[in-house]
Amino acid sequence: MDLGSRQRDRARGVLLATAAGDALGAGYEFGPPLADDVPVLMKGGGTFRWAPGEWTDDTSMAVPILEAAERAAAEGRSLVDELDHVASRWYAWHETAPDVGAQTRQVLYNGSTAGAATAASVRAAALELHQRTGRTGGNGSLMRSAPIPLAHLGDDDAIAAAARAVSDLTHPDPDAASACVLWCVAAGHAVVTGELDVRRGLGHLDPEQRARWADLLDEAEHAHPTAFPRNGWVVHAAQAAWASVHLAKDTDEPLRRGLENAVRAGHDTDTVAAIAGMLLGAAHGASAVPADWVPLLHGWPGITGAELADRAEALAAGSVAARD
């Protein structure tokens, strides 16, 4: 896609702001909600003793999706054609990662054979878990979705299909897929137009889910992020993130303020802020990410936030080279 300078900045912002929100929230994870006047700092620490600016599993799980999208673009294929790469990389990552969501860890473990995993084996393990427990609606598929809209920028149908397919690898719950569709379609539209419309993807949901999510988004826009405390669940995570974005929309620094709002929601702070960051970066661009945060951003697999932004721009512009 032929992108202008503002579109390139917004494409860079999708992954950079996701990583920034993730790293900002890392030091506050599992903590209580914070008052609106409590400063939120890029301090690291937390349960897993993250370095300042180090991202967590949210962004780490997005990297294999980015790699798969790069491979697909270089070969003229769709992201969904490269899901074996995603599953394989997730499995290798999770073996040494300090922080892996419980549902994701279980699915990757159950979906492996002889120390390896494929898209089919992981998906089968996720479906078995869903059929057995009915509980696969964690926030783990939404948190990692940022590369998906960049893989098919300008094509809402392809974005929605890829969002659903990547979500279903580990999270078969319909709410998880719907949240991913809404976020990815909205982010892609924001990169292209600068308009943030989280309802744009409603038409890609079935009628029951469409009505449900229209109501959930309305509820979020009339509530404070702290009103959704079960934010390990994808529904409350999405509502807390959207409430954070909406609360900051008329401020002087909507990206920074939106991410701070997400962290102040408490509990799964890194994930809510990563989810909010995906939309904020798509709408406001990498240039809106605070300059003092950017040099600090880093994480698995040994890359920086600046590299994530470069690769996001290249993917969106269709000028990627295949990566092993």
C-alpha atoms as a PDB file:
ATOM      1  CA  MET A   1       0.000   0.000   0.000  1.00  0.00           C
ATOM      2  CA  ASP A   2       1.320   3.472  -0.905  1.00  0.00           C
ATOM      3  CA  LEU A   3       1.465   5.338   2.397  1.00  0.00           C
ATOM      4  CA  GLY A   4       1.882   9.024   3.116  1.00  0.00           C
ATOM      5  CA  SER A   5       4.096  10.319   5.908  1.00  0.00           C
ATOM      6  CA  ARG A   6       1.285  10.523   8.468  1.00  0.00           C
ATOM      7  CA  GLN A   7       0.104   7.025   7.598  1.00  0.00           C
ATOM      8  CA  ARG A   8       3.648   5.730   8.003  1.00  0.00           C
ATOM      9  CA  ASP A   9       3.865   7.387  11.409  1.00  0.00           C
ATOM     10  CA  ARG A  10       0.578   5.811  12.450  1.00  0.00           C
ATOM     11  CA  ALA A  11       1.688   2.384  11.177  1.00  0.00           C
ATOM     12  CA  ARG A  12       4.846   2.711  13.267  1.00  0.00           C
ATOM     13  CA  GLY A  13       2.726   3.692  16.225  1.00  0.00           C
ATOM     14  CA  VAL A  14       0.632   0.512  16.279  1.00  0.00           C
ATOM     15  CA  LEU A  15       3.436  -1.704  17.569  1.00  0.00           C
ATOM     16  CA  LEU A  16       5.434   1.005  19.329  1.00  0.00           C
ATOM     17  CA  ALA A  17       2.502   2.147  21.465  1.00  0.00           C
ATOM     18  CA  THR A  18       1.500  -1.452  22.175  1.00  0.00           C
ATOM     19  CA  ALA A  19       5.009  -2.099  23.496  1.00  0.00           C
ATOM     20  CA  ALA A  20       5.004   1.180  25.412  1.00  0.00           C
ATOM     21  CA  GLY A  21       1.716   0.381  27.131  1.00  0.00           C
ATOM     22  CA  ASP A  22       2.895  -3.131  27.902  1.00  0.00           C
ATOM     23  CA  ALA A  23       6.178  -1.923  29.425  1.00  0.00           C
ATOM     24  CA  LEU A  24       4.478   0.941  31.273  1.00  0.00           C
ATOM     25  CA  GLY A  25       2.044  -1.433  32.917  1.00  0.00           C
ATOM     26  CA  ALA A  26       4.610  -4.122  33.706  1.00  0.00           C
ATOM     27  CA  GLY A  27       5.671  -2.590  36.991  1.00  0.00           C
ATOM     28  CA  TYR A  28       2.084  -2.301  38.219  1.00  0.00           C
ATOM     29  CA  GLU A  29       0.729  -5.719  37.216  1.00  0.00           C
ATOM     30  CA  PHE A  30      -1.505  -7.435  39.785  1.00  0.00           C
ATOM     31  CA  GLY A  31      -1.671  -4.226  41.804  1.00  0.00           C
ATOM     32  CA  PRO A  32      -4.792  -2.349  42.881  1.00  0.00           C
ATOM     33  CA  PRO A  33      -6.385   0.485  40.924  1.00  0.00           C
ATOM     34  CA  LEU A  34      -4.658   3.847  41.305  1.00  0.00           C
ATOM     35  CA  ALA A  35      -6.193   7.252  41.897  1.00  0.00           C
ATOM     36  CA  ASP A  36      -6.294   9.600  38.916  1.00  0.00           C
ATOM     37  CA  ASP A  37      -3.604  11.843  40.408  1.00  0.00           C
ATOM     38  CA  VAL A  38      -1.049   9.069  41.084  1.00  0.00           C
ATOM     39  CA  PRO A  39       1.897   9.349  38.672  1.00  0.00           C
ATOM     40  CA  VAL A  40       2.449   6.389  36.335  1.00  0.00           C
ATOM     41  CA  LEU A  41       6.122   5.813  35.537  1.00  0.00           C
ATOM     42  CA  MET A  42       8.090   3.663  33.085  1.00  0.00           C
ATOM     43  CA  LYS A  43       9.801   2.075  36.054  1.00  0.00           C
ATOM     44  CA  GLY A  44       9.944  -1.674  35.438  1.00  0.00           C
ATOM     45  CA  GLY A  45       9.906  -4.006  38.398  1.00  0.00           C
ATOM     46  CA  GLY A  46       6.749  -5.821  39.341  1.00  0.00           C
ATOM     47  CA  THR A  47       6.323  -9.514  40.009  1.00  0.00           C
ATOM     48  CA  PHE A  48       8.775 -10.525  37.284  1.00  0.00           C
ATOM     49  CA  ARG A  49      11.331  -7.766  37.942  1.00  0.00           C
ATOM     50  CA  TRP A  50      11.179  -6.290  34.473  1.00  0.00           C
ATOM     51  CA  ALA A  51      13.798  -3.741  33.488  1.00  0.00           C
ATOM     52  CA  PRO A  52      12.496  -0.213  32.838  1.00  0.00           C
ATOM     53  CA  GLY A  53      10.998  -0.244  29.342  1.00  0.00           C
ATOM     54  CA  GLU A  54      11.027  -4.039  29.014  1.00  0.00           C
ATOM     55  CA  TRP A  55       7.900  -5.492  27.472  1.00  0.00           C
ATOM     56  CA  THR A  56       6.165  -8.633  28.706  1.00  0.00           C
ATOM     57  CA  ASP A  57       4.351 -11.543  27.074  1.00  0.00           C
ATOM     58  CA  ASP A  58       1.860  -9.201  25.392  1.00  0.00           C
ATOM     59  CA  THR A  59       4.412  -7.803  22.954  1.00  0.00           C
ATOM     60  CA  SER A  60       6.573 -10.926  22.904  1.00  0.00           C
ATOM     61  CA  MET A  61       3.644 -12.944  21.549  1.00  0.00           C
ATOM     62  CA  ALA A  62       3.021 -10.276  18.921  1.00  0.00           C
ATOM     63  CA  VAL A  63       6.535 -10.679  17.496  1.00  0.00           C
ATOM     64  CA  PRO A  64       5.944 -14.132  15.923  1.00  0.00           C
ATOM     65  CA  ILE A  65       2.766 -12.750  14.340  1.00  0.00           C
ATOM     66  CA  LEU A  66       4.850  -9.908  12.940  1.00  0.00           C
ATOM     67  CA  GLU A  67       7.417 -12.399  11.646  1.00  0.00           C
ATOM     68  CA  ALA A  68       4.709 -14.488  10.009  1.00  0.00           C
ATOM     69  CA  ALA A  69       3.193 -11.405   8.391  1.00  0.00           C
ATOM     70  CA  GLU A  70       6.598 -10.395   7.043  1.00  0.00           C
ATOM     71  CA  ARG A  71       7.156 -13.863   5.601  1.00  0.00           C
ATOM     72  CA  ALA A  72       3.705 -13.864   4.038  1.00  0.00           C
ATOM     73  CA  ALA A  73       4.163 -10.410   2.500  1.00  0.00           C
ATOM     74  CA  ALA A  74       7.545 -11.307   1.048  1.00  0.00           C
ATOM     75  CA  GLU A  75       6.009 -14.359  -0.648  1.00  0.00           C
ATOM     76  CA  GLY A  76       2.734 -12.763  -1.723  1.00  0.00           C
ATOM     77  CA  ARG A  77       0.728 -14.849   0.707  1.00  0.00           C
ATOM     78  CA  SER A  78      -1.771 -14.164   3.496  1.00  0.00           C
ATOM     79  CA  LEU A  79      -0.903 -14.043   7.173  1.00  0.00           C
ATOM     80  CA  VAL A  80      -3.181 -17.022   7.796  1.00  0.00           C
ATOM     81  CA  ASP A  81      -0.925 -19.106   5.512  1.00  0.00           C
ATOM     82  CA  GLU A  82       1.916 -18.700   8.013  1.00  0.00           C
ATOM     83  CA  LEU A  83       0.236 -19.771  11.246  1.00  0.00           C
ATOM     84  CA  ASP A  84       2.509 -22.793  11.661  1.00  0.00           C
ATOM     85  CA  HIS A  85       5.364 -20.337  12.092  1.00  0.00           C
ATOM     86  CA  VAL A  86       3.387 -18.485  14.763  1.00  0.00           C
ATOM     87  CA  ALA A  87       2.601 -21.646  16.709  1.00  0.00           C
ATOM     88  CA  SER A  88       6.163 -22.920  16.490  1.00  0.00           C
ATOM     89  CA  ARG A  89       7.667 -19.645  17.658  1.00  0.00           C
ATOM     90  CA  TRP A  90       5.175 -19.306  20.495  1.00  0.00           C
ATOM     91  CA  TYR A  91       6.033 -22.769  21.693  1.00  0.00           C
ATOM     92  CA  ALA A  92       9.781 -22.097  21.647  1.00  0.00           C
ATOM     93  CA  TRP A  93       9.275 -18.746  23.404  1.00  0.00           C
ATOM     94  CA  HIS A  94       7.054 -20.130  26.152  1.00  0.00           C
ATOM     95  CA  GLU A  95       9.628 -22.687  27.255  1.00  0.00           C
ATOM     96  CA  THR A  96      11.850 -19.973  28.760  1.00  0.00           C
ATOM     97  CA  ALA A  97       9.549 -16.955  29.100  1.00  0.00           C
ATOM     98  CA  PRO A  98       9.166 -15.674  32.665  1.00  0.00           C
ATOM     99  CA  ASP A  99       5.520 -14.707  32.179  1.00  0.00           C
ATOM    100  CA  VAL A 100       3.028 -16.750  30.140  1.00  0.00           C
ATOM    101  CA  GLY A 101      -0.722 -16.595  30.642  1.00  0.00           C
ATOM    102  CA  ALA A 102      -2.138 -19.722  32.251  1.00  0.00           C
ATOM    103  CA  GLN A 103      -4.527 -20.534  29.395  1.00  0.00           C
ATOM    104  CA  THR A 104      -1.889 -19.918  26.730  1.00  0.00           C
ATOM    105  CA  ARG A 105       0.674 -22.024  28.562  1.00  0.00           C
ATOM    106  CA  GLN A 106      -1.757 -24.918  28.887  1.00  0.00           C
ATOM    107  CA  VAL A 107      -2.755 -24.813  25.222  1.00  0.00           C
ATOM    108  CA  LEU A 108       0.842 -24.635  23.982  1.00  0.00           C
ATOM    109  CA  TYR A 109       1.872 -27.498  26.264  1.00  0.00           C
ATOM    110  CA  ASN A 110      -1.090 -29.699  25.324  1.00  0.00           C
ATOM    111  CA  GLY A 111      -0.684 -28.841  21.650  1.00  0.00           C
ATOM    112  CA  SER A 112       2.952 -29.885  21.422  1.00  0.00           C
ATOM    113  CA  THR A 113       4.438 -33.155  20.236  1.00  0.00           C
ATOM    114  CA  ALA A 114       8.124 -33.987  20.659  1.00  0.00           C
ATOM    115  CA  GLY A 115       8.917 -30.421  21.634  1.00  0.00           C
ATOM    116  CA  ALA A 116       7.204 -28.752  18.675  1.00  0.00           C
ATOM    117  CA  ALA A 117       3.808 -27.291  17.813  1.00  0.00           C
ATOM    118  CA  THR A 118       1.821 -26.534  14.672  1.00  0.00           C
ATOM    119  CA  ALA A 119      -1.188 -24.334  14.122  1.00  0.00           C
ATOM    120  CA  ALA A 120      -3.405 -27.405  13.829  1.00  0.00           C
ATOM    121  CA  SER A 121      -2.105 -29.046  16.999  1.00  0.00           C
ATOM    122  CA  VAL A 122      -2.400 -25.881  19.061  1.00  0.00           C
ATOM    123  CA  ARG A 123      -5.871 -25.119  17.713  1.00  0.00           C
ATOM    124  CA  ALA A 124      -7.002 -28.650  18.544  1.00  0.00           C
ATOM    125  CA  ALA A 125      -5.699 -28.307  22.100  1.00  0.00           C
ATOM    126  CA  ALA A 126      -7.524 -24.996  22.477  1.00  0.00           C
ATOM    127  CA  LEU A 127     -10.791 -26.482  21.212  1.00  0.00           C
ATOM    128  CA  GLU A 128     -10.457 -29.416  23.587  1.00  0.00           C
ATOM    129  CA  LEU A 129      -9.945 -27.025  26.493  1.00  0.00           C
ATOM    130  CA  HIS A 130     -12.972 -24.987  25.443  1.00  0.00           C
ATOM    131  CA  GLN A 131     -15.192 -28.050  25.089  1.00  0.00           C
ATOM    132  CA  ARG A 132     -14.068 -29.369  28.440  1.00  0.00           C
ATOM    133  CA  THR A 133     -14.210 -26.156  30.490  1.00  0.00           C
ATOM    134  CA  GLY A 134     -16.032 -23.505  28.470  1.00  0.00           C
ATOM    135  CA  ARG A 135     -13.418 -21.069  29.749  1.00  0.00           C
ATOM    136  CA  THR A 136     -11.180 -19.800  26.951  1.00  0.00           C
ATOM    137  CA  GLY A 137     -12.119 -16.121  27.105  1.00  0.00           C
ATOM    138  CA  GLY A 138      -8.921 -14.738  28.584  1.00  0.00           C
ATOM    139  CA  ASN A 139      -7.360 -11.550  27.224  1.00  0.00           C
ATOM    140  CA  GLY A 140      -4.345 -13.351  25.751  1.00  0.00           C
ATOM    141  CA  SER A 141      -5.375 -13.262  22.106  1.00  0.00           C
ATOM    142  CA  LEU A 142      -6.366  -9.595  22.082  1.00  0.00           C
ATOM    143  CA  MET A 143      -3.141  -8.415  23.720  1.00  0.00           C
ATOM    144  CA  ARG A 144      -0.941  -9.777  20.906  1.00  0.00           C
ATOM    145  CA  SER A 145      -3.004  -8.610  17.905  1.00  0.00           C
ATOM    146  CA  ALA A 146      -1.168  -5.438  16.882  1.00  0.00           C
ATOM    147  CA  PRO A 147       0.634  -6.789  13.769  1.00  0.00           C
ATOM    148  CA  ILE A 148      -2.536  -8.197  12.200  1.00  0.00           C
ATOM    149  CA  PRO A 149      -4.022  -5.001  10.705  1.00  0.00           C
ATOM    150  CA  LEU A 150      -0.641  -4.057   9.239  1.00  0.00           C
ATOM    151  CA  ALA A 151      -0.525  -7.340   7.324  1.00  0.00           C
ATOM    152  CA  HIS A 152      -3.658  -6.480   5.314  1.00  0.00           C
ATOM    153  CA  LEU A 153      -3.872  -2.717   5.571  1.00  0.00           C
ATOM    154  CA  GLY A 154      -6.835  -1.289   3.672  1.00  0.00           C
ATOM    155  CA  ASP A 155      -8.708  -4.619   3.488  1.00  0.00           C
ATOM    156  CA  ASP A 156     -11.140  -4.898   6.405  1.00  0.00           C
ATOM    157  CA  ASP A 157     -12.383  -8.323   5.297  1.00  0.00           C
ATOM    158  CA  ALA A 158      -8.881  -9.799   5.310  1.00  0.00           C
ATOM    159  CA  ILE A 159      -8.027  -8.108   8.605  1.00  0.00           C
ATOM    160  CA  ALA A 160     -11.149  -9.513  10.261  1.00  0.00           C
ATOM    161  CA  ALA A 161     -10.514 -13.019   8.928  1.00  0.00           C
ATOM    162  CA  ALA A 162      -6.888 -12.982  10.095  1.00  0.00           C
ATOM    163  CA  ALA A 163      -7.826 -11.582  13.499  1.00  0.00           C
ATOM    164  CA  ARG A 164     -10.301 -14.388  14.041  1.00  0.00           C
ATOM    165  CA  ALA A 165      -7.900 -17.090  12.819  1.00  0.00           C
ATOM    166  CA  VAL A 166      -5.017 -15.949  15.031  1.00  0.00           C
ATOM    167  CA  SER A 167      -7.285 -15.578  18.060  1.00  0.00           C
ATOM    168  CA  ASP A 168      -8.754 -19.057  17.555  1.00  0.00           C
ATOM    169  CA  LEU A 169      -5.313 -20.657  17.752  1.00  0.00           C
ATOM    170  CA  THR A 170      -5.456 -20.414  21.543  1.00  0.00           C
ATOM    171  CA  HIS A 171      -8.736 -18.704  22.486  1.00  0.00           C
ATOM    172  CA  PRO A 172     -11.829 -20.297  20.845  1.00  0.00           C
ATOM    173  CA  ASP A 173     -14.253 -18.259  22.964  1.00  0.00           C
ATOM    174  CA  PRO A 174     -16.450 -16.107  20.658  1.00  0.00           C
ATOM    175  CA  ASP A 175     -15.827 -12.992  22.760  1.00  0.00           C
ATOM    176  CA  ALA A 176     -12.072 -13.327  22.265  1.00  0.00           C
ATOM    177  CA  ALA A 177     -12.436 -13.517  18.491  1.00  0.00           C
ATOM    178  CA  SER A 178     -14.916 -10.639  18.413  1.00  0.00           C
ATOM    179  CA  ALA A 179     -12.660  -8.373  20.455  1.00  0.00           C
ATOM    180  CA  CYS A 180      -9.733  -9.135  18.155  1.00  0.00           C
ATOM    181  CA  VAL A 181     -11.825  -8.404  15.062  1.00  0.00           C
ATOM    182  CA  LEU A 182     -13.014  -5.080  16.472  1.00  0.00           C
ATOM    183  CA  TRP A 183      -9.567  -3.947  17.575  1.00  0.00           C
ATOM    184  CA  CYS A 184      -7.784  -5.013  14.391  1.00  0.00           C
ATOM    185  CA  VAL A 185     -10.321  -3.497  12.011  1.00  0.00           C
ATOM    186  CA  ALA A 186     -10.329  -0.270  14.042  1.00  0.00           C
ATOM    187  CA  ALA A 187      -6.532  -0.090  14.102  1.00  0.00           C
ATOM    188  CA  GLY A 188      -6.229  -0.671  10.372  1.00  0.00           C
ATOM    189  CA  HIS A 189      -8.814   2.015   9.655  1.00  0.00           C
ATOM    190  CA  ALA A 190      -7.065   4.435  12.011  1.00  0.00           C
ATOM    191  CA  VAL A 191      -3.702   3.945  10.292  1.00  0.00           C
ATOM    192  CA  VAL A 192      -5.228   4.700   6.901  1.00  0.00           C
ATOM    193  CA  THR A 193      -7.538   7.581   7.884  1.00  0.00           C
ATOM    194  CA  GLY A 194      -6.508   8.878  11.308  1.00  0.00           C
ATOM    195  CA  GLU A 195     -10.060   8.162  12.513  1.00  0.00           C
ATOM    196  CA  LEU A 196     -10.523   5.937  15.549  1.00  0.00           C
ATOM    197  CA  ASP A 197     -13.796   4.032  15.127  1.00  0.00           C
ATOM    198  CA  VAL A 198     -13.893   0.892  17.282  1.00  0.00           C
ATOM    199  CA  ARG A 199     -17.388   0.079  15.987  1.00  0.00           C
ATOM    200  CA  ARG A 200     -16.237  -0.202  12.377  1.00  0.00           C
ATOM    201  CA  GLY A 201     -15.724  -3.940  12.769  1.00  0.00           C
ATOM    202  CA  LEU A 202     -19.180  -4.687  14.170  1.00  0.00           C
ATOM    203  CA  GLY A 203     -20.397  -5.685  10.724  1.00  0.00           C
ATOM    204  CA  HIS A 204     -17.858  -8.513  10.713  1.00  0.00           C
ATOM    205  CA  LEU A 205     -19.477 -10.161  13.757  1.00  0.00           C
ATOM    206  CA  ASP A 206     -22.499 -12.444  13.773  1.00  0.00           C
ATOM    207  CA  PRO A 207     -25.753 -10.737  14.828  1.00  0.00           C
ATOM    208  CA  GLU A 208     -25.651 -11.949  18.431  1.00  0.00           C
ATOM    209  CA  GLN A 209     -22.054 -10.874  18.962  1.00  0.00           C
ATOM    210  CA  ARG A 210     -22.681  -7.601  17.107  1.00  0.00           C
ATOM    211  CA  ALA A 211     -25.473  -6.610  19.485  1.00  0.00           C
ATOM    212  CA  ARG A 212     -23.495  -7.764  22.515  1.00  0.00           C
ATOM    213  CA  TRP A 213     -20.379  -5.778  21.634  1.00  0.00           C
ATOM    214  CA  ALA A 214     -22.286  -2.664  20.651  1.00  0.00           C
ATOM    215  CA  ASP A 215     -23.701  -2.646  24.190  1.00  0.00           C
ATOM    216  CA  LEU A 216     -20.319  -3.424  25.769  1.00  0.00           C
ATOM    217  CA  LEU A 217     -18.650  -0.527  23.953  1.00  0.00           C
ATOM    218  CA  ASP A 218     -21.454   1.831  24.940  1.00  0.00           C
ATOM    219  CA  GLU A 219     -21.016   0.765  28.546  1.00  0.00           C
ATOM    220  CA  ALA A 220     -17.274   1.381  28.405  1.00  0.00           C
ATOM    221  CA  GLU A 221     -17.713   4.899  27.055  1.00  0.00           C
ATOM    222  CA  HIS A 222     -19.844   5.837  30.055  1.00  0.00           C
ATOM    223  CA  ALA A 223     -17.615   4.320  32.721  1.00  0.00           C
ATOM    224  CA  HIS A 224     -14.206   4.725  34.319  1.00  0.00           C
ATOM    225  CA  PRO A 225     -11.559   2.079  33.486  1.00  0.00           C
ATOM    226  CA  THR A 226     -11.674   0.879  37.090  1.00  0.00           C
ATOM    227  CA  ALA A 227     -15.305  -0.192  36.556  1.00  0.00           C
ATOM    228  CA  PHE A 228     -14.026  -3.333  34.806  1.00  0.00           C
ATOM    229  CA  PRO A 229     -11.914  -5.112  37.444  1.00  0.00           C
ATOM    230  CA  ARG A 230     -12.002  -8.627  35.904  1.00  0.00           C
ATOM    231  CA  ASN A 231      -9.648  -7.476  33.200  1.00  0.00           C
ATOM    232  CA  GLY A 232      -7.941 -10.834  32.813  1.00  0.00           C
ATOM    233  CA  TRP A 233     -11.191 -11.661  30.955  1.00  0.00           C
ATOM    234  CA  VAL A 234     -11.193 -10.360  27.399  1.00  0.00           C
ATOM    235  CA  VAL A 235     -14.478  -8.501  27.802  1.00  0.00           C
ATOM    236  CA  HIS A 236     -13.391  -6.443  30.806  1.00  0.00           C
ATOM    237  CA  ALA A 237      -9.908  -5.993  29.332  1.00  0.00           C
ATOM    238  CA  ALA A 238     -11.365  -4.544  26.141  1.00  0.00           C
ATOM    239  CA  GLN A 239     -13.840  -2.382  28.055  1.00  0.00           C
ATOM    240  CA  ALA A 240     -11.159  -1.058  30.404  1.00  0.00           C
ATOM    241  CA  ALA A 241      -8.883  -0.298  27.447  1.00  0.00           C
ATOM    242  CA  TRP A 242     -11.616   1.455  25.467  1.00  0.00           C
ATOM    243  CA  ALA A 243     -12.712   3.421  28.546  1.00  0.00           C
ATOM    244  CA  SER A 244      -9.074   4.497  28.989  1.00  0.00           C
ATOM    245  CA  VAL A 245      -8.837   5.673  25.388  1.00  0.00           C
ATOM    246  CA  HIS A 246     -12.209   7.409  25.479  1.00  0.00           C
ATOM    247  CA  LEU A 247     -11.433   9.183  28.755  1.00  0.00           C
ATOM    248  CA  ALA A 248      -8.265  10.648  27.245  1.00  0.00           C
ATOM    249  CA  LYS A 249      -9.621  11.683  23.856  1.00  0.00           C
ATOM    250  CA  ASP A 250      -9.919  15.407  24.590  1.00  0.00           C
ATOM    251  CA  THR A 251      -6.708  15.771  26.598  1.00  0.00           C
ATOM    252  CA  ASP A 252      -3.503  17.472  25.539  1.00  0.00           C
ATOM    253  CA  GLU A 253      -1.666  14.132  25.191  1.00  0.00           C
ATOM    254  CA  PRO A 254      -4.282  11.480  24.395  1.00  0.00           C
ATOM    255  CA  LEU A 255      -1.776   8.675  23.857  1.00  0.00           C
ATOM    256  CA  ARG A 256       0.156   9.189  27.082  1.00  0.00           C
ATOM    257  CA  ARG A 257      -2.988   9.907  29.085  1.00  0.00           C
ATOM    258  CA  GLY A 258      -4.797   6.916  27.624  1.00  0.00           C
ATOM    259  CA  LEU A 259      -1.980   4.561  28.574  1.00  0.00           C
ATOM    260  CA  GLU A 260      -1.775   6.045  32.056  1.00  0.00           C
ATOM    261  CA  ASN A 261      -5.532   5.595  32.457  1.00  0.00           C
ATOM    262  CA  ALA A 262      -5.157   1.937  31.478  1.00  0.00           C
ATOM    263  CA  VAL A 263      -2.439   1.330  34.068  1.00  0.00           C
ATOM    264  CA  ARG A 264      -4.485   3.053  36.754  1.00  0.00           C
ATOM    265  CA  ALA A 265      -7.248   0.506  36.145  1.00  0.00           C
ATOM    266  CA  GLY A 266      -5.140  -1.947  38.150  1.00  0.00           C
ATOM    267  CA  HIS A 267      -4.904  -5.740  38.002  1.00  0.00           C
ATOM    268  CA  ASP A 268      -3.723  -6.855  34.509  1.00  0.00           C
ATOM    269  CA  THR A 269      -2.185  -3.466  33.863  1.00  0.00           C
ATOM    270  CA  ASP A 270       0.339  -4.382  31.190  1.00  0.00           C
ATOM    271  CA  THR A 271      -2.270  -6.099  29.047  1.00  0.00           C
ATOM    272  CA  VAL A 272      -4.951  -3.411  29.340  1.00  0.00           C
ATOM    273  CA  ALA A 273      -2.351  -0.782  28.461  1.00  0.00           C
ATOM    274  CA  ALA A 274      -1.025  -2.843  25.532  1.00  0.00           C
ATOM    275  CA  ILE A 275      -4.564  -3.228  24.184  1.00  0.00           C
ATOM    276  CA  ALA A 276      -5.190   0.505  24.566  1.00  0.00           C
ATOM    277  CA  GLY A 277      -1.806   1.253  23.010  1.00  0.00           C
ATOM    278  CA  MET A 278      -2.652  -0.621  19.825  1.00  0.00           C
ATOM    279  CA  LEU A 279      -5.536   1.770  19.085  1.00  0.00           C
ATOM    280  CA  LEU A 280      -3.822   4.886  20.426  1.00  0.00           C
ATOM    281  CA  GLY A 281      -0.733   4.276  18.334  1.00  0.00           C
ATOM    282  CA  ALA A 282      -2.813   3.627  15.225  1.00  0.00           C
ATOM    283  CA  ALA A 283      -4.706   6.892  15.697  1.00  0.00           C
ATOM    284  CA  HIS A 284      -1.942   9.211  16.932  1.00  0.00           C
ATOM    285  CA  GLY A 285       1.249   7.669  15.582  1.00  0.00           C
ATOM    286  CA  ALA A 286       4.690   6.826  16.859  1.00  0.00           C
ATOM    287  CA  SER A 287       5.449  10.525  17.127  1.00  0.00           C
ATOM    288  CA  ALA A 288       2.930  10.744  19.995  1.00  0.00           C
ATOM    289  CA  VAL A 289       4.753   8.132  22.107  1.00  0.00           C
ATOM    290  CA  PRO A 290       6.673  10.085  24.781  1.00  0.00           C
ATOM    291  CA  ALA A 291      10.237  10.576  23.573  1.00  0.00           C
ATOM    292  CA  ASP A 292      11.727   9.620  26.934  1.00  0.00           C
ATOM    293  CA  TRP A 293      10.054   6.205  26.765  1.00  0.00           C
ATOM    294  CA  VAL A 294      11.187   5.156  23.309  1.00  0.00           C
ATOM    295  CA  PRO A 295      14.913   4.515  23.994  1.00  0.00           C
ATOM    296  CA  LEU A 296      13.958   2.278  26.935  1.00  0.00           C
ATOM    297  CA  LEU A 297      11.652  -0.052  25.034  1.00  0.00           C
ATOM    298  CA  HIS A 298      13.047  -3.540  24.484  1.00  0.00           C
ATOM    299  CA  GLY A 299      12.279  -7.211  24.977  1.00  0.00           C
ATOM    300  CA  TRP A 300      12.132 -10.712  23.558  1.00  0.00           C
ATOM    301  CA  PRO A 301      13.662 -11.732  21.186  1.00  0.00           C
ATOM    302  CA  GLY A 302      16.381  -9.168  21.866  1.00  0.00           C
ATOM    303  CA  ILE A 303      14.996  -6.257  19.860  1.00  0.00           C
ATOM    304  CA  THR A 304      14.094  -2.662  20.600  1.00  0.00           C
ATOM    305  CA  GLY A 305      10.964  -0.602  20.293  1.00  0.00           C
ATOM    306  CA  ALA A 306      12.573   1.355  17.466  1.00  0.00           C
ATOM    307  CA  GLU A 307      13.067  -1.870  15.514  1.00  0.00           C
ATOM    308  CA  LEU A 308       9.449  -2.846  16.094  1.00  0.00           C
ATOM    309  CA  ALA A 309       8.361   0.513  14.697  1.00  0.00           C
ATOM    310  CA  ASP A 310      10.626   0.160  11.639  1.00  0.00           C
ATOM    311  CA  ARG A 311       9.303  -3.309  10.892  1.00  0.00           C
ATOM    312  CA  ALA A 312       5.697  -2.192  11.401  1.00  0.00           C
ATOM    313  CA  GLU A 313       6.166   0.591   8.861  1.00  0.00           C
ATOM    314  CA  ALA A 314       7.829  -1.744   6.367  1.00  0.00           C
ATOM    315  CA  LEU A 315       5.081  -4.332   6.733  1.00  0.00           C
ATOM    316  CA  ALA A 316       2.352  -1.764   6.273  1.00  0.00           C
ATOM    317  CA  ALA A 317       4.083  -0.365   3.191  1.00  0.00           C
ATOM    318  CA  GLY A 318       4.569  -3.847   1.739  1.00  0.00           C
ATOM    319  CA  SER A 319       8.345  -3.544   1.592  1.00  0.00           C
ATOM    320  CA  VAL A 320       9.460  -6.416   3.806  1.00  0.00           C
ATOM    321  CA  ALA A 321      12.082  -9.089   3.275  1.00  0.00           C
ATOM    322  CA  ALA A 322      11.628 -12.683   4.420  1.00  0.00           C
ATOM    323  CA  ARG A 323      12.984 -13.370   7.908  1.00  0.00           C
ATOM    324  CA  ASP A 324      13.960 -16.752   9.297  1.00  0.00           C
END
